[in-house]
Amino acid sequence: MPYALSNGVRLYYEECGRGTPIVFVHEFSGDLYSWEAQLRRFSRRHRCIAFNARGYPPSDVPRATSEYSYRIATDDIANLLRHVGETKAHIVGCSMGAYTTLQFGLRYPRMARSLTLVGVGAGSDLAKLVQFHRDTEAQTQRYLSLGTREVVKMYLNHPARVPLRLKDPRGFDEFYRRVAEHSALGAANTLRGVQARRVSVYRLESALRRLAVPLQVVCGDEDPSALGPSLFIKRTCPSASLAVVAGTGHAVNVEEPEYFNRITAEFLAQVESRRWRPRDPRSLNASTMARGK
């Protein structure tokens, strides 16, 4: 089994295809197999690398919460790239992985050809931070006391997962089976170390204004925790585009794989051909009328 070593922690990864590399970074409730539809599509033109984050077997599950943070998660991506002999890659992340992807672009811009964020920003609402931290700790305690299989029963009616369950019951069942197999300790430590301690997207304004890496943001219109942060990133970061997908929940790449693959292929093609450009300042207008000469 292939592993990359990152600060003493083994990260399990799989790869397929040849070409410009793409690294896929999964959500809290996912793993590398959440990207199966993307691995099959993009491995035709790219070297695709997907890995399980620390805390997600067969990657190592460190016992100490101190070995989990969003900064450590971004370092894990960089160390994975070094391990496979790549210096630069397109990075594609969903939810927790989207936040890690964004932070990777801010901390390692020279290693990022582009960034794609799916469902980014849960827990960013500044008016609800206290509630978010309280809910995150309660969920952590459930993982530790009840185990993963009991906790994931909550996903059966999770608001952001309802669209997937209605559209694709088979796909939802596969998602549910996989998340039920996750490590309870790994999930608890990830919640405490990564999710609860990450900085709100709304507090990254100055960094986002300086970010020059091509950035694609994708959000379902039935994913309220991500809609606001996604729009904020679009309004703040000159290099960002935003696609809002109708009738869709949290993990757009799982729920609408054909659409996601199509727009992402176009985005990557523009980046590869150097056709991606920052937003033209002329398209910004505080007035409701067209500007005069």
C-alpha atoms as a PDB file:
ATOM      1  CA  MET A   1       0.000   0.000   0.000  1.00  0.00           C
ATOM      2  CA  PRO A   2       1.462   3.423  -0.922  1.00  0.00           C
ATOM      3  CA  TYR A   3       2.091   5.861   1.904  1.00  0.00           C
ATOM      4  CA  ALA A   4       3.577   9.336   2.086  1.00  0.00           C
ATOM      5  CA  LEU A   5       5.261  10.380   5.314  1.00  0.00           C
ATOM      6  CA  SER A   6       4.295  13.780   6.702  1.00  0.00           C
ATOM      7  CA  ASN A   7       5.963  14.800   9.952  1.00  0.00           C
ATOM      8  CA  GLY A   8       5.996  11.210  11.165  1.00  0.00           C
ATOM      9  CA  VAL A   9       2.425  10.394  10.075  1.00  0.00           C
ATOM     10  CA  ARG A  10       1.744   7.984   7.215  1.00  0.00           C
ATOM     11  CA  LEU A  11      -0.809   9.183   4.657  1.00  0.00           C
ATOM     12  CA  TYR A  12      -2.355   6.550   2.420  1.00  0.00           C
ATOM     13  CA  TYR A  13      -2.836   7.645  -1.178  1.00  0.00           C
ATOM     14  CA  GLU A  14      -3.807   6.259  -4.560  1.00  0.00           C
ATOM     15  CA  GLU A  15      -2.956   7.614  -7.989  1.00  0.00           C
ATOM     16  CA  CYS A  16      -3.872   7.062 -11.605  1.00  0.00           C
ATOM     17  CA  GLY A  17      -3.196   8.644 -14.982  1.00  0.00           C
ATOM     18  CA  ARG A  18      -0.376  10.742 -16.393  1.00  0.00           C
ATOM     19  CA  GLY A  19       0.047  14.431 -17.021  1.00  0.00           C
ATOM     20  CA  THR A  20      -0.186  17.621 -14.993  1.00  0.00           C
ATOM     21  CA  PRO A  21      -0.950  16.521 -11.413  1.00  0.00           C
ATOM     22  CA  ILE A  22      -4.203  17.066  -9.539  1.00  0.00           C
ATOM     23  CA  VAL A  23      -4.444  16.410  -5.798  1.00  0.00           C
ATOM     24  CA  PHE A  24      -7.929  15.704  -4.393  1.00  0.00           C
ATOM     25  CA  VAL A  25      -8.617  16.581  -0.740  1.00  0.00           C
ATOM     26  CA  HIS A  26     -11.710  15.010   0.824  1.00  0.00           C
ATOM     27  CA  GLU A  27     -14.384  16.370   3.170  1.00  0.00           C
ATOM     28  CA  PHE A  28     -14.838  15.493   6.854  1.00  0.00           C
ATOM     29  CA  SER A  29     -17.476  12.888   5.993  1.00  0.00           C
ATOM     30  CA  GLY A  30     -15.561  11.516   3.021  1.00  0.00           C
ATOM     31  CA  ASP A  31     -12.329   9.841   2.057  1.00  0.00           C
ATOM     32  CA  LEU A  32     -10.312   9.457  -1.121  1.00  0.00           C
ATOM     33  CA  TYR A  33     -13.064   7.336  -2.678  1.00  0.00           C
ATOM     34  CA  SER A  34     -15.411  10.337  -2.582  1.00  0.00           C
ATOM     35  CA  TRP A  35     -13.494  11.437  -5.680  1.00  0.00           C
ATOM     36  CA  GLU A  36     -14.042   8.274  -7.715  1.00  0.00           C
ATOM     37  CA  ALA A  37     -16.060  10.025 -10.440  1.00  0.00           C
ATOM     38  CA  GLN A  38     -13.325  12.650 -10.751  1.00  0.00           C
ATOM     39  CA  LEU A  39     -10.457  10.146 -10.732  1.00  0.00           C
ATOM     40  CA  ARG A  40     -12.044   8.256 -13.626  1.00  0.00           C
ATOM     41  CA  ARG A  41     -12.628  11.447 -15.623  1.00  0.00           C
ATOM     42  CA  PHE A  42      -9.455  13.424 -15.031  1.00  0.00           C
ATOM     43  CA  SER A  43      -6.966  10.548 -15.080  1.00  0.00           C
ATOM     44  CA  ARG A  44      -7.455  10.538 -18.861  1.00  0.00           C
ATOM     45  CA  ARG A  45      -5.402  13.741 -19.077  1.00  0.00           C
ATOM     46  CA  HIS A  46      -3.810  14.218 -15.659  1.00  0.00           C
ATOM     47  CA  ARG A  47      -1.858  12.471 -12.947  1.00  0.00           C
ATOM     48  CA  CYS A  48      -4.548  12.204 -10.271  1.00  0.00           C
ATOM     49  CA  ILE A  49      -3.607  11.724  -6.621  1.00  0.00           C
ATOM     50  CA  ALA A  50      -6.186  11.232  -3.859  1.00  0.00           C
ATOM     51  CA  PHE A  51      -5.334  10.545  -0.242  1.00  0.00           C
ATOM     52  CA  ASN A  52      -6.896   9.916   3.139  1.00  0.00           C
ATOM     53  CA  ALA A  53      -6.242  12.679   5.640  1.00  0.00           C
ATOM     54  CA  ARG A  54      -4.590  11.852   8.937  1.00  0.00           C
ATOM     55  CA  GLY A  55      -7.207  10.268  11.176  1.00  0.00           C
ATOM     56  CA  TYR A  56      -8.767   8.338   8.282  1.00  0.00           C
ATOM     57  CA  PRO A  57      -7.511   4.727   8.003  1.00  0.00           C
ATOM     58  CA  PRO A  58      -5.561   3.293   6.340  1.00  0.00           C
ATOM     59  CA  SER A  59      -3.752   6.598   6.998  1.00  0.00           C
ATOM     60  CA  ASP A  60      -2.416   6.824  10.535  1.00  0.00           C
ATOM     61  CA  VAL A  61      -4.694   7.987  13.354  1.00  0.00           C
ATOM     62  CA  PRO A  62      -2.569  10.037  15.773  1.00  0.00           C
ATOM     63  CA  ARG A  63      -3.966   9.865  19.300  1.00  0.00           C
ATOM     64  CA  ALA A  64      -3.099  13.432  20.321  1.00  0.00           C
ATOM     65  CA  THR A  65      -5.369  16.279  19.219  1.00  0.00           C
ATOM     66  CA  SER A  66      -2.259  18.451  18.927  1.00  0.00           C
ATOM     67  CA  GLU A  67      -1.329  16.484  15.795  1.00  0.00           C
ATOM     68  CA  TYR A  68      -4.401  17.814  13.975  1.00  0.00           C
ATOM     69  CA  SER A  69      -4.934  21.348  12.653  1.00  0.00           C
ATOM     70  CA  TYR A  70      -5.720  23.091   9.386  1.00  0.00           C
ATOM     71  CA  ARG A  71      -2.092  24.204   9.193  1.00  0.00           C
ATOM     72  CA  ILE A  72      -0.891  20.630   9.643  1.00  0.00           C
ATOM     73  CA  ALA A  73      -3.404  19.546   6.992  1.00  0.00           C
ATOM     74  CA  THR A  74      -1.928  22.021   4.489  1.00  0.00           C
ATOM     75  CA  ASP A  75       1.560  20.766   5.325  1.00  0.00           C
ATOM     76  CA  ASP A  76       0.312  17.233   4.622  1.00  0.00           C
ATOM     77  CA  ILE A  77      -0.595  18.232   1.056  1.00  0.00           C
ATOM     78  CA  ALA A  78       2.828  19.795   0.524  1.00  0.00           C
ATOM     79  CA  ASN A  79       4.601  16.725   1.910  1.00  0.00           C
ATOM     80  CA  LEU A  80       2.469  14.415  -0.230  1.00  0.00           C
ATOM     81  CA  LEU A  81       3.460  16.385  -3.336  1.00  0.00           C
ATOM     82  CA  ARG A  82       7.125  16.183  -2.401  1.00  0.00           C
ATOM     83  CA  HIS A  83       6.798  12.446  -1.812  1.00  0.00           C
ATOM     84  CA  VAL A  84       5.393  11.799  -5.288  1.00  0.00           C
ATOM     85  CA  GLY A  85       8.050  13.991  -6.866  1.00  0.00           C
ATOM     86  CA  GLU A  86       5.869  16.932  -7.874  1.00  0.00           C
ATOM     87  CA  THR A  87       6.583  20.590  -7.170  1.00  0.00           C
ATOM     88  CA  LYS A  88       3.261  22.037  -8.301  1.00  0.00           C
ATOM     89  CA  ALA A  89      -0.300  20.748  -8.806  1.00  0.00           C
ATOM     90  CA  HIS A  90      -3.934  21.657  -9.212  1.00  0.00           C
ATOM     91  CA  ILE A  91      -5.577  21.203  -5.795  1.00  0.00           C
ATOM     92  CA  VAL A  92      -9.257  20.257  -5.559  1.00  0.00           C
ATOM     93  CA  GLY A  93     -10.992  20.057  -2.173  1.00  0.00           C
ATOM     94  CA  CYS A  94     -14.479  19.544  -0.765  1.00  0.00           C
ATOM     95  CA  SER A  95     -15.796  21.093   2.472  1.00  0.00           C
ATOM     96  CA  MET A  96     -13.093  20.501   5.114  1.00  0.00           C
ATOM     97  CA  GLY A  97     -10.816  19.665   2.192  1.00  0.00           C
ATOM     98  CA  ALA A  98     -11.893  22.871   0.453  1.00  0.00           C
ATOM     99  CA  TYR A  99     -10.831  24.949   3.444  1.00  0.00           C
ATOM    100  CA  THR A 100      -7.520  23.087   3.547  1.00  0.00           C
ATOM    101  CA  THR A 101      -7.143  23.713  -0.189  1.00  0.00           C
ATOM    102  CA  LEU A 102      -7.765  27.433   0.294  1.00  0.00           C
ATOM    103  CA  GLN A 103      -5.217  27.593   3.104  1.00  0.00           C
ATOM    104  CA  PHE A 104      -2.762  25.654   0.963  1.00  0.00           C
ATOM    105  CA  GLY A 105      -3.096  28.304  -1.740  1.00  0.00           C
ATOM    106  CA  LEU A 106      -2.490  31.049   0.810  1.00  0.00           C
ATOM    107  CA  ARG A 107       0.501  29.337   2.439  1.00  0.00           C
ATOM    108  CA  TYR A 108       2.024  27.521  -0.559  1.00  0.00           C
ATOM    109  CA  PRO A 109       1.020  29.600  -3.613  1.00  0.00           C
ATOM    110  CA  ARG A 110       4.073  28.501  -5.607  1.00  0.00           C
ATOM    111  CA  MET A 111       3.005  24.862  -5.288  1.00  0.00           C
ATOM    112  CA  ALA A 112      -0.557  25.502  -6.510  1.00  0.00           C
ATOM    113  CA  ARG A 113      -1.377  25.636 -10.220  1.00  0.00           C
ATOM    114  CA  SER A 114      -5.004  26.267  -9.315  1.00  0.00           C
ATOM    115  CA  LEU A 115      -7.457  25.811  -6.468  1.00  0.00           C
ATOM    116  CA  THR A 116     -10.992  24.382  -6.614  1.00  0.00           C
ATOM    117  CA  LEU A 117     -13.187  24.729  -3.536  1.00  0.00           C
ATOM    118  CA  VAL A 118     -16.421  22.725  -3.227  1.00  0.00           C
ATOM    119  CA  GLY A 119     -18.817  23.578  -0.394  1.00  0.00           C
ATOM    120  CA  VAL A 120     -16.328  25.734   1.488  1.00  0.00           C
ATOM    121  CA  GLY A 121     -16.995  27.733   4.652  1.00  0.00           C
ATOM    122  CA  ALA A 122     -19.078  25.767   7.162  1.00  0.00           C
ATOM    123  CA  GLY A 123     -18.637  27.290  10.607  1.00  0.00           C
ATOM    124  CA  SER A 124     -17.619  30.684   9.237  1.00  0.00           C
ATOM    125  CA  ASP A 125     -20.737  32.635  10.262  1.00  0.00           C
ATOM    126  CA  LEU A 126     -19.336  35.089  12.824  1.00  0.00           C
ATOM    127  CA  ALA A 127     -22.731  35.464  14.501  1.00  0.00           C
ATOM    128  CA  LYS A 128     -22.903  31.713  15.136  1.00  0.00           C
ATOM    129  CA  LEU A 129     -19.314  30.899  16.099  1.00  0.00           C
ATOM    130  CA  VAL A 130     -20.161  30.134  19.731  1.00  0.00           C
ATOM    131  CA  GLN A 131     -22.917  27.770  18.636  1.00  0.00           C
ATOM    132  CA  PHE A 132     -20.623  26.169  16.059  1.00  0.00           C
ATOM    133  CA  HIS A 133     -17.936  25.474  18.651  1.00  0.00           C
ATOM    134  CA  ARG A 134     -20.514  24.130  21.105  1.00  0.00           C
ATOM    135  CA  ASP A 135     -22.044  21.848  18.464  1.00  0.00           C
ATOM    136  CA  THR A 136     -18.613  20.671  17.316  1.00  0.00           C
ATOM    137  CA  GLU A 137     -17.609  19.678  20.853  1.00  0.00           C
ATOM    138  CA  ALA A 138     -20.936  17.883  21.374  1.00  0.00           C
ATOM    139  CA  GLN A 139     -20.390  15.932  18.173  1.00  0.00           C
ATOM    140  CA  THR A 140     -16.854  15.104  19.287  1.00  0.00           C
ATOM    141  CA  GLN A 141     -18.202  13.640  22.509  1.00  0.00           C
ATOM    142  CA  ARG A 142     -20.717  11.558  20.585  1.00  0.00           C
ATOM    143  CA  TYR A 143     -17.955  10.022  18.467  1.00  0.00           C
ATOM    144  CA  LEU A 144     -15.946   9.154  21.569  1.00  0.00           C
ATOM    145  CA  SER A 145     -18.848   7.754  23.589  1.00  0.00           C
ATOM    146  CA  LEU A 146     -21.099   6.168  20.958  1.00  0.00           C
ATOM    147  CA  GLY A 147     -18.773   5.287  18.075  1.00  0.00           C
ATOM    148  CA  THR A 148     -18.990   6.150  14.413  1.00  0.00           C
ATOM    149  CA  ARG A 149     -21.860   3.869  13.402  1.00  0.00           C
ATOM    150  CA  GLU A 150     -24.229   5.472  15.885  1.00  0.00           C
ATOM    151  CA  VAL A 151     -23.165   9.032  15.129  1.00  0.00           C
ATOM    152  CA  VAL A 152     -23.553   8.741  11.362  1.00  0.00           C
ATOM    153  CA  LYS A 153     -27.229   7.850  11.719  1.00  0.00           C
ATOM    154  CA  MET A 154     -27.668  11.617  11.965  1.00  0.00           C
ATOM    155  CA  TYR A 155     -26.687  11.828   8.289  1.00  0.00           C
ATOM    156  CA  LEU A 156     -29.880  10.042   7.269  1.00  0.00           C
ATOM    157  CA  ASN A 157     -31.721  13.361   7.548  1.00  0.00           C
ATOM    158  CA  HIS A 158     -28.874  15.861   7.445  1.00  0.00           C
ATOM    159  CA  PRO A 159     -30.206  18.980   5.638  1.00  0.00           C
ATOM    160  CA  ALA A 160     -27.206  19.316   3.304  1.00  0.00           C
ATOM    161  CA  ARG A 161     -27.384  15.601   2.376  1.00  0.00           C
ATOM    162  CA  VAL A 162     -31.114  15.413   1.673  1.00  0.00           C
ATOM    163  CA  PRO A 163     -30.711  16.458  -2.002  1.00  0.00           C
ATOM    164  CA  LEU A 164     -28.270  13.579  -2.625  1.00  0.00           C
ATOM    165  CA  ARG A 165     -30.577  11.113  -0.890  1.00  0.00           C
ATOM    166  CA  LEU A 166     -33.523  12.218  -3.033  1.00  0.00           C
ATOM    167  CA  LYS A 167     -31.637  12.326  -6.352  1.00  0.00           C
ATOM    168  CA  ASP A 168     -29.392   9.321  -5.970  1.00  0.00           C
ATOM    169  CA  PRO A 169     -30.452   6.846  -3.246  1.00  0.00           C
ATOM    170  CA  ARG A 170     -27.802   4.383  -4.364  1.00  0.00           C
ATOM    171  CA  GLY A 171     -25.094   7.035  -4.185  1.00  0.00           C
ATOM    172  CA  PHE A 172     -26.359   8.125  -0.777  1.00  0.00           C
ATOM    173  CA  ASP A 173     -26.246   4.546   0.517  1.00  0.00           C
ATOM    174  CA  GLU A 174     -22.653   4.228  -0.672  1.00  0.00           C
ATOM    175  CA  PHE A 175     -21.742   7.524   1.034  1.00  0.00           C
ATOM    176  CA  TYR A 176     -23.463   6.395   4.241  1.00  0.00           C
ATOM    177  CA  ARG A 177     -21.708   3.009   4.301  1.00  0.00           C
ATOM    178  CA  ARG A 178     -18.299   4.565   3.836  1.00  0.00           C
ATOM    179  CA  VAL A 179     -18.657   7.251   6.501  1.00  0.00           C
ATOM    180  CA  ALA A 180     -19.860   4.606   8.968  1.00  0.00           C
ATOM    181  CA  GLU A 181     -16.474   2.877   8.627  1.00  0.00           C
ATOM    182  CA  HIS A 182     -14.429   5.894   9.719  1.00  0.00           C
ATOM    183  CA  SER A 183     -12.349   5.922  12.885  1.00  0.00           C
ATOM    184  CA  ALA A 184     -14.218   7.436  15.843  1.00  0.00           C
ATOM    185  CA  LEU A 185     -10.958   8.687  17.362  1.00  0.00           C
ATOM    186  CA  GLY A 186      -9.827  10.139  14.052  1.00  0.00           C
ATOM    187  CA  ALA A 187     -13.170  11.902  13.580  1.00  0.00           C
ATOM    188  CA  ALA A 188     -13.141  13.285  17.130  1.00  0.00           C
ATOM    189  CA  ASN A 189      -9.585  14.591  16.834  1.00  0.00           C
ATOM    190  CA  THR A 190     -10.321  16.080  13.426  1.00  0.00           C
ATOM    191  CA  LEU A 191     -13.350  17.905  14.811  1.00  0.00           C
ATOM    192  CA  ARG A 192     -11.393  19.312  17.748  1.00  0.00           C
ATOM    193  CA  GLY A 193      -8.108  19.986  16.007  1.00  0.00           C
ATOM    194  CA  VAL A 194      -9.141  21.025  12.508  1.00  0.00           C
ATOM    195  CA  GLN A 195     -12.801  21.992  12.326  1.00  0.00           C
ATOM    196  CA  ALA A 196     -13.176  23.835  15.634  1.00  0.00           C
ATOM    197  CA  ARG A 197      -9.915  25.781  15.356  1.00  0.00           C
ATOM    198  CA  ARG A 198      -9.925  26.990  11.789  1.00  0.00           C
ATOM    199  CA  VAL A 199     -10.232  30.685  11.062  1.00  0.00           C
ATOM    200  CA  SER A 200     -13.535  31.915   9.639  1.00  0.00           C
ATOM    201  CA  VAL A 201     -13.458  32.548   5.893  1.00  0.00           C
ATOM    202  CA  TYR A 202     -14.778  36.028   6.631  1.00  0.00           C
ATOM    203  CA  ARG A 203     -11.570  36.798   8.536  1.00  0.00           C
ATOM    204  CA  LEU A 204      -9.376  36.002   5.537  1.00  0.00           C
ATOM    205  CA  GLU A 205     -10.335  39.116   3.565  1.00  0.00           C
ATOM    206  CA  SER A 206      -6.897  40.717   3.292  1.00  0.00           C
ATOM    207  CA  ALA A 207      -5.258  37.418   2.335  1.00  0.00           C
ATOM    208  CA  LEU A 208      -7.951  36.683  -0.247  1.00  0.00           C
ATOM    209  CA  ARG A 209      -7.482  40.089  -1.869  1.00  0.00           C
ATOM    210  CA  ARG A 210      -3.812  39.243  -2.422  1.00  0.00           C
ATOM    211  CA  LEU A 211      -4.360  35.683  -3.669  1.00  0.00           C
ATOM    212  CA  ALA A 212      -3.340  35.407  -7.335  1.00  0.00           C
ATOM    213  CA  VAL A 213      -3.676  31.622  -7.803  1.00  0.00           C
ATOM    214  CA  PRO A 214      -6.550  30.760 -10.194  1.00  0.00           C
ATOM    215  CA  LEU A 215      -9.496  29.871  -7.973  1.00  0.00           C
ATOM    216  CA  GLN A 216     -12.772  28.089  -8.740  1.00  0.00           C
ATOM    217  CA  VAL A 217     -15.510  28.059  -6.088  1.00  0.00           C
ATOM    218  CA  VAL A 218     -18.426  25.637  -6.465  1.00  0.00           C
ATOM    219  CA  CYS A 219     -21.462  25.579  -4.177  1.00  0.00           C
ATOM    220  CA  GLY A 220     -24.884  23.944  -4.130  1.00  0.00           C
ATOM    221  CA  ASP A 221     -27.777  26.356  -3.685  1.00  0.00           C
ATOM    222  CA  GLU A 222     -29.191  24.067  -0.970  1.00  0.00           C
ATOM    223  CA  ASP A 223     -26.003  24.250   1.105  1.00  0.00           C
ATOM    224  CA  PRO A 224     -26.633  27.355   3.244  1.00  0.00           C
ATOM    225  CA  SER A 225     -23.469  27.049   5.341  1.00  0.00           C
ATOM    226  CA  ALA A 226     -21.368  27.409   2.183  1.00  0.00           C
ATOM    227  CA  LEU A 227     -23.406  29.891   0.129  1.00  0.00           C
ATOM    228  CA  GLY A 228     -22.409  32.992   2.074  1.00  0.00           C
ATOM    229  CA  PRO A 229     -18.696  32.167   2.337  1.00  0.00           C
ATOM    230  CA  SER A 230     -18.577  31.177  -1.348  1.00  0.00           C
ATOM    231  CA  LEU A 231     -20.072  34.494  -2.423  1.00  0.00           C
ATOM    232  CA  PHE A 232     -17.721  36.338  -0.050  1.00  0.00           C
ATOM    233  CA  ILE A 233     -14.701  34.682  -1.654  1.00  0.00           C
ATOM    234  CA  LYS A 234     -15.967  35.596  -5.113  1.00  0.00           C
ATOM    235  CA  ARG A 235     -16.510  39.219  -4.115  1.00  0.00           C
ATOM    236  CA  THR A 236     -13.154  39.469  -2.343  1.00  0.00           C
ATOM    237  CA  CYS A 237     -10.638  37.453  -4.378  1.00  0.00           C
ATOM    238  CA  PRO A 238      -9.851  38.870  -7.852  1.00  0.00           C
ATOM    239  CA  SER A 239      -8.774  35.443  -9.185  1.00  0.00           C
ATOM    240  CA  ALA A 240     -11.989  33.644  -8.157  1.00  0.00           C
ATOM    241  CA  SER A 241     -14.946  32.374 -10.166  1.00  0.00           C
ATOM    242  CA  LEU A 242     -18.149  31.095  -8.590  1.00  0.00           C
ATOM    243  CA  ALA A 243     -20.562  28.414  -9.796  1.00  0.00           C
ATOM    244  CA  VAL A 244     -23.784  27.930  -7.822  1.00  0.00           C
ATOM    245  CA  VAL A 245     -25.455  24.640  -8.707  1.00  0.00           C
ATOM    246  CA  ALA A 246     -29.260  24.570  -8.639  1.00  0.00           C
ATOM    247  CA  GLY A 247     -31.109  22.059  -6.486  1.00  0.00           C
ATOM    248  CA  THR A 248     -27.885  20.714  -5.007  1.00  0.00           C
ATOM    249  CA  GLY A 249     -26.526  20.183  -1.512  1.00  0.00           C
ATOM    250  CA  HIS A 250     -23.087  19.963   0.031  1.00  0.00           C
ATOM    251  CA  ALA A 251     -20.770  17.679  -1.964  1.00  0.00           C
ATOM    252  CA  VAL A 252     -21.424  18.839  -5.538  1.00  0.00           C
ATOM    253  CA  ASN A 253     -18.754  16.510  -6.942  1.00  0.00           C
ATOM    254  CA  VAL A 254     -20.681  13.500  -5.562  1.00  0.00           C
ATOM    255  CA  GLU A 255     -24.202  14.777  -6.139  1.00  0.00           C
ATOM    256  CA  GLU A 256     -23.712  16.214  -9.653  1.00  0.00           C
ATOM    257  CA  PRO A 257     -20.500  14.581 -10.910  1.00  0.00           C
ATOM    258  CA  GLU A 258     -21.075  15.142 -14.627  1.00  0.00           C
ATOM    259  CA  TYR A 259     -21.711  18.866 -14.190  1.00  0.00           C
ATOM    260  CA  PHE A 260     -18.843  19.285 -11.753  1.00  0.00           C
ATOM    261  CA  ASN A 261     -16.448  17.423 -14.031  1.00  0.00           C
ATOM    262  CA  ARG A 262     -17.464  19.523 -17.024  1.00  0.00           C
ATOM    263  CA  ILE A 263     -16.987  22.924 -15.406  1.00  0.00           C
ATOM    264  CA  THR A 264     -13.791  21.807 -13.700  1.00  0.00           C
ATOM    265  CA  ALA A 265     -12.353  20.471 -16.946  1.00  0.00           C
ATOM    266  CA  GLU A 266     -13.053  23.854 -18.557  1.00  0.00           C
ATOM    267  CA  PHE A 267     -11.484  25.685 -15.620  1.00  0.00           C
ATOM    268  CA  LEU A 268      -8.348  23.540 -15.710  1.00  0.00           C
ATOM    269  CA  ALA A 269      -8.090  23.950 -19.489  1.00  0.00           C
ATOM    270  CA  GLN A 270      -8.175  27.740 -19.120  1.00  0.00           C
ATOM    271  CA  VAL A 271      -5.490  27.603 -16.458  1.00  0.00           C
ATOM    272  CA  GLU A 272      -3.310  25.211 -18.467  1.00  0.00           C
ATOM    273  CA  SER A 273      -3.585  27.399 -21.574  1.00  0.00           C
ATOM    274  CA  ARG A 274      -2.880  30.536 -19.514  1.00  0.00           C
ATOM    275  CA  ARG A 275      -6.234  31.972 -20.459  1.00  0.00           C
ATOM    276  CA  TRP A 276      -7.372  32.390 -16.838  1.00  0.00           C
ATOM    277  CA  ARG A 277      -7.170  36.030 -15.805  1.00  0.00           C
ATOM    278  CA  PRO A 278      -7.982  38.000 -12.652  1.00  0.00           C
ATOM    279  CA  ARG A 279     -11.247  39.900 -12.753  1.00  0.00           C
ATOM    280  CA  ASP A 280     -11.063  43.005 -14.907  1.00  0.00           C
ATOM    281  CA  PRO A 281     -11.500  46.063 -12.647  1.00  0.00           C
ATOM    282  CA  ARG A 282     -13.831  47.561 -15.260  1.00  0.00           C
ATOM    283  CA  SER A 283     -16.433  44.928 -14.304  1.00  0.00           C
ATOM    284  CA  LEU A 284     -16.606  46.386 -10.781  1.00  0.00           C
ATOM    285  CA  ASN A 285     -19.122  49.190 -10.442  1.00  0.00           C
ATOM    286  CA  ALA A 286     -20.655  50.529  -7.242  1.00  0.00           C
ATOM    287  CA  SER A 287     -23.215  52.419  -9.301  1.00  0.00           C
ATOM    288  CA  THR A 288     -26.389  50.936 -10.767  1.00  0.00           C
ATOM    289  CA  MET A 289     -25.644  52.667 -14.076  1.00  0.00           C
ATOM    290  CA  ALA A 290     -22.941  52.167 -16.684  1.00  0.00           C
ATOM    291  CA  ARG A 291     -19.928  54.407 -16.209  1.00  0.00           C
ATOM    292  CA  GLY A 292     -19.255  57.222 -18.620  1.00  0.00           C
ATOM    293  CA  LYS A 293     -15.999  57.548 -20.517  1.00  0.00           C
END
